[in-house]
N, C-alpha and C. Protein backbone atom coordinates (compact mmCIF):
# COMPACT_ATOMS: atom_id res chain seq x y z
N UNK A 1 0.89 -1.07 -0.39
CA UNK A 1 -0.42 -0.27 -0.37
C UNK A 1 1.19 1.44 -0.12
N UNK A 2 0.80 2.04 -0.81
CA UNK A 2 1.42 3.23 -1.46
C UNK A 2 0.51 4.66 -0.74
N UNK A 3 0.30 5.21 0.40
CA UNK A 3 -0.53 5.72 1.10
C UNK A 3 0.14 7.04 0.73
N UNK A 4 -1.01 7.96 -0.20
CA UNK A 4 -0.55 9.49 -0.60
C UNK A 4 -1.02 10.91 0.09
N UNK A 5 -2.16 10.20 0.50
CA UNK A 5 -3.48 11.20 1.43
C UNK A 5 -3.53 10.67 2.65
N UNK A 6 -3.52 11.55 4.13
CA UNK A 6 -4.18 11.19 5.48
C UNK A 6 -5.45 12.66 5.43
N UNK A 7 -6.38 12.42 5.84
CA UNK A 7 -7.29 13.49 6.15
C UNK A 7 -7.98 13.05 7.35
N UNK A 8 -7.90 14.12 8.15
CA UNK A 8 -7.90 13.78 9.56
C UNK A 8 -9.90 14.78 9.97
N UNK A 9 -10.84 13.68 10.11
CA UNK A 9 -12.29 14.19 10.36
C UNK A 9 -12.58 14.00 11.76
N UNK A 10 -13.37 14.96 12.06
CA UNK A 10 -14.12 14.45 13.26
C UNK A 10 -13.85 15.05 14.41
N UNK A 11 -12.39 15.67 14.78
CA UNK A 11 -11.39 15.54 15.41
C UNK A 11 -12.00 16.29 16.87
N UNK A 12 -12.68 15.43 18.16
CA UNK A 12 -12.96 16.02 18.85
C UNK A 12 -12.35 15.59 20.37
N UNK A 13 -11.63 16.77 20.69
CA UNK A 13 -11.00 16.38 22.62
C UNK A 13 -11.86 16.67 23.46
N UNK A 14 -12.26 15.68 24.67
CA UNK A 14 -13.33 15.59 25.58
C UNK A 14 -12.04 16.12 26.72
N UNK A 15 -12.17 16.80 27.28
CA UNK A 15 -11.66 16.90 28.81
C UNK A 15 -11.84 15.27 29.69
N UNK A 16 -13.34 15.30 29.74
CA UNK A 16 -13.61 14.72 30.83
C UNK A 16 -13.93 13.47 30.75
N UNK A 17 -13.72 12.85 29.68
CA UNK A 17 -12.95 11.26 29.40
C UNK A 17 -11.46 11.53 29.04
N UNK A 18 -10.81 12.46 28.70
CA UNK A 18 -9.26 12.38 28.80
C UNK A 18 -8.93 11.98 27.90
N UNK A 19 -10.10 12.20 25.86
CA UNK A 19 -9.86 10.64 25.26
C UNK A 19 -9.49 12.15 23.62
N UNK A 20 -8.81 12.06 23.40
CA UNK A 20 -8.98 12.54 22.27
C UNK A 20 -10.02 11.19 20.42
N UNK A 21 -10.21 11.74 19.76
CA UNK A 21 -10.99 11.23 19.30
C UNK A 21 -10.94 11.75 17.71
N UNK A 22 -11.02 10.81 16.20
CA UNK A 22 -10.98 11.33 15.30
C UNK A 22 -11.21 10.04 14.56
N UNK A 23 -11.65 10.93 13.13
CA UNK A 23 -11.93 9.33 11.96
C UNK A 23 -10.75 9.63 10.86
N UNK A 24 -9.93 8.91 10.86
CA UNK A 24 -8.62 9.38 10.01
C UNK A 24 -8.97 8.34 8.94
N UNK A 25 -9.06 9.31 7.77
CA UNK A 25 -9.42 8.54 6.14
C UNK A 25 -7.45 8.86 5.70
N UNK A 26 -7.69 7.13 5.47
CA UNK A 26 -6.00 7.04 4.26
C UNK A 26 -6.40 6.92 3.38
N UNK A 27 -5.52 7.26 1.98
CA UNK A 27 -5.80 7.62 0.98
C UNK A 27 -4.56 6.85 0.11
N UNK A 28 -4.90 5.91 -0.28
CA UNK A 28 -3.77 5.38 -1.25
C UNK A 28 -4.05 4.54 -2.16
N UNK A 29 -2.63 3.61 -3.17
CA UNK A 29 -3.18 3.47 -4.37
C UNK A 29 -3.56 2.67 -4.26
N UNK A 30 -4.57 1.94 -3.51
CA UNK A 30 -5.62 0.72 -3.51
C UNK A 30 -6.80 1.18 -2.88
N UNK A 31 -7.10 2.46 -2.47
CA UNK A 31 -8.42 2.38 -2.00
C UNK A 31 -8.24 3.58 -0.99
N UNK A 32 -9.36 3.24 -0.28
CA UNK A 32 -9.33 4.71 0.79
C UNK A 32 -9.51 3.80 1.99
N UNK A 33 -9.47 4.32 3.37
CA UNK A 33 -9.34 3.61 4.49
C UNK A 33 -9.73 4.34 5.56
N UNK A 34 -10.86 4.22 6.10
CA UNK A 34 -11.55 5.29 7.46
C UNK A 34 -10.85 4.30 8.68
N UNK A 35 -10.17 4.82 9.55
CA UNK A 35 -10.05 4.27 10.92
C UNK A 35 -10.13 5.21 11.79
N UNK A 36 -11.05 4.64 13.26
CA UNK A 36 -11.51 5.46 14.08
C UNK A 36 -10.57 5.34 14.78
N UNK A 37 -9.71 7.06 15.19
CA UNK A 37 -8.65 6.60 16.64
C UNK A 37 -9.00 7.17 17.80
N UNK A 38 -8.59 6.56 18.74
CA UNK A 38 -8.91 6.99 19.93
C UNK A 38 -7.32 7.25 20.86
N UNK A 39 -6.86 8.51 21.34
CA UNK A 39 -5.61 8.52 21.84
C UNK A 39 -6.00 9.18 23.65
N UNK A 40 -5.08 8.57 24.52
CA UNK A 40 -4.94 10.05 25.83
C UNK A 40 -4.53 10.94 25.24
N UNK A 41 -5.68 11.68 25.91
CA UNK A 41 -4.81 13.58 26.21
C UNK A 41 -3.15 13.65 26.86
N UNK A 42 -3.61 12.90 28.11
CA UNK A 42 -2.18 13.08 28.89
C UNK A 42 -0.89 12.60 28.24
N UNK A 43 -1.04 12.01 27.15
CA UNK A 43 0.23 11.49 26.43
C UNK A 43 0.50 12.38 25.21
N UNK A 44 -0.42 13.56 24.45
CA UNK A 44 -0.02 14.17 23.68
C UNK A 44 0.06 15.50 24.35
N UNK A 45 0.90 16.54 23.33
CA UNK A 45 1.59 17.79 23.35
C UNK A 45 -0.49 18.37 22.57
N UNK A 46 -0.82 19.54 22.99
CA UNK A 46 -2.10 19.63 22.14
C UNK A 46 -1.18 20.26 20.57
N UNK A 47 -0.20 20.58 20.12
CA UNK A 47 0.25 21.13 19.09
C UNK A 47 -0.33 19.51 18.24
N UNK A 48 0.39 18.48 18.75
CA UNK A 48 0.44 17.53 17.91
C UNK A 48 -0.39 16.45 18.17
N UNK A 49 -2.02 16.84 18.46
CA UNK A 49 -2.85 15.84 18.24
C UNK A 49 -2.87 15.03 16.44
N UNK A 50 -3.07 16.02 15.43
CA UNK A 50 -3.14 15.63 14.46
C UNK A 50 -1.98 14.10 13.97
N UNK A 51 -0.77 14.50 14.44
CA UNK A 51 0.19 14.07 14.21
C UNK A 51 0.02 12.67 15.02
N UNK A 52 -0.11 12.57 15.93
CA UNK A 52 -0.38 11.93 16.98
C UNK A 52 -1.46 10.47 16.01
N UNK A 53 -2.70 11.06 15.00
CA UNK A 53 -3.72 10.42 15.07
C UNK A 53 -2.90 9.94 13.45
N UNK A 54 -2.31 10.36 12.75
CA UNK A 54 -1.75 9.86 12.07
C UNK A 54 -0.93 8.55 11.97
N UNK A 55 0.09 9.05 12.82
CA UNK A 55 0.41 7.62 13.28
C UNK A 55 -0.14 6.30 14.34
N UNK A 56 -1.41 6.83 14.71
CA UNK A 56 -2.35 5.83 15.57
C UNK A 56 -2.62 4.96 13.96
N UNK A 57 -3.02 5.90 13.33
CA UNK A 57 -3.56 5.21 12.24
C UNK A 57 -3.11 4.39 11.22
N UNK A 58 -1.64 4.75 11.04
CA UNK A 58 -0.86 3.82 10.62
C UNK A 58 -0.32 2.32 11.34
N UNK A 59 -0.26 3.10 12.84
CA UNK A 59 -0.28 1.36 13.50
C UNK A 59 -1.10 0.41 13.30
N UNK A 60 -2.65 0.98 13.69
CA UNK A 60 -3.66 -0.11 13.06
C UNK A 60 -4.14 -0.92 12.14
N UNK A 61 -3.22 0.12 10.82
CA UNK A 61 -3.08 -0.59 9.33
C UNK A 61 -2.07 -2.23 9.79
N UNK A 62 -0.89 -0.99 10.38
CA UNK A 62 0.13 -2.20 10.65
C UNK A 62 -0.12 -3.37 10.99
N UNK A 63 -1.41 -3.55 11.92
CA UNK A 63 -1.75 -4.78 12.71
C UNK A 63 -2.87 -5.45 11.68
N UNK A 64 -3.46 -4.71 10.67
CA UNK A 64 -4.33 -5.59 9.57
C UNK A 64 -3.48 -7.57 8.87
N UNK A 65 -3.59 -8.38 9.51
CA UNK A 65 -2.95 -9.55 8.52
C UNK A 65 -2.13 -9.89 7.45
N UNK A 66 -2.95 -9.33 6.32
CA UNK A 66 -1.60 -9.08 5.28
C UNK A 66 -0.12 -8.10 5.81
N UNK A 67 -0.17 -7.06 6.59
CA UNK A 67 0.27 -6.37 6.61
C UNK A 67 1.43 -6.70 7.91
N UNK A 68 0.87 -7.60 8.53
CA UNK A 68 1.73 -7.88 10.15
C UNK A 68 2.44 -9.15 9.53
N UNK A 69 1.99 -9.59 8.64
CA UNK A 69 1.97 -11.10 7.86
C UNK A 69 3.81 -10.67 7.35
N UNK A 70 3.60 -9.38 6.79
CA UNK A 70 4.40 -9.66 5.29
C UNK A 70 4.56 -9.43 4.36
N UNK A 71 2.87 -10.18 3.83
CA UNK A 71 3.01 -10.32 2.84
C UNK A 71 2.43 -8.82 1.97
N UNK A 72 2.17 -8.05 2.49
CA UNK A 72 2.23 -6.45 2.10
C UNK A 72 2.91 -5.73 2.67
N UNK A 73 3.29 -4.42 2.01
CA UNK A 73 3.97 -3.04 2.77
C UNK A 73 3.43 -1.79 2.86
N UNK A 74 3.59 -0.98 4.01
CA UNK A 74 3.01 0.65 4.01
C UNK A 74 3.85 1.26 3.11
N UNK A 75 3.72 2.09 2.54
CA UNK A 75 4.98 3.07 2.20
C UNK A 75 3.82 4.14 2.45
N UNK A 76 4.84 5.28 2.81
CA UNK A 76 4.00 6.80 2.54
C UNK A 76 5.11 7.81 1.64
N UNK A 77 3.83 8.42 1.13
CA UNK A 77 4.39 9.22 -0.12
C UNK A 77 5.45 10.02 0.81
N UNK A 78 6.82 11.09 0.19
CA UNK A 78 7.62 11.94 0.76
C UNK A 78 6.97 12.70 1.80
N UNK A 79 6.78 12.95 2.95
CA UNK A 79 6.93 14.47 3.70
C UNK A 79 5.47 14.33 4.16
N UNK A 80 4.58 13.26 4.05
CA UNK A 80 3.45 12.87 4.43
C UNK A 80 3.21 13.01 5.84
N UNK A 81 3.69 12.81 7.04
CA UNK A 81 3.99 13.15 8.16
C UNK A 81 5.09 14.02 8.98
N UNK A 82 5.38 14.50 8.37
CA UNK A 82 6.11 15.92 8.36
C UNK A 82 5.33 17.13 9.12
């Protein structure tokens, strides 16, 4: 999978449950995948929410059987996570 774009929607930070939540859409050469992400607020600087959510979405993708087994590889376009 060659990831060309990552979009974050429905970004929601709730202090009452200490989570950052968002829908992360990953566009690649093989289509589009929507990943729901939840991260603890205490571990993320406010300016880093989007960056942390992108990393979490890719982490979830890597846990899928076809990537975890090494049958397929996840590649990112240059500068995508910068």
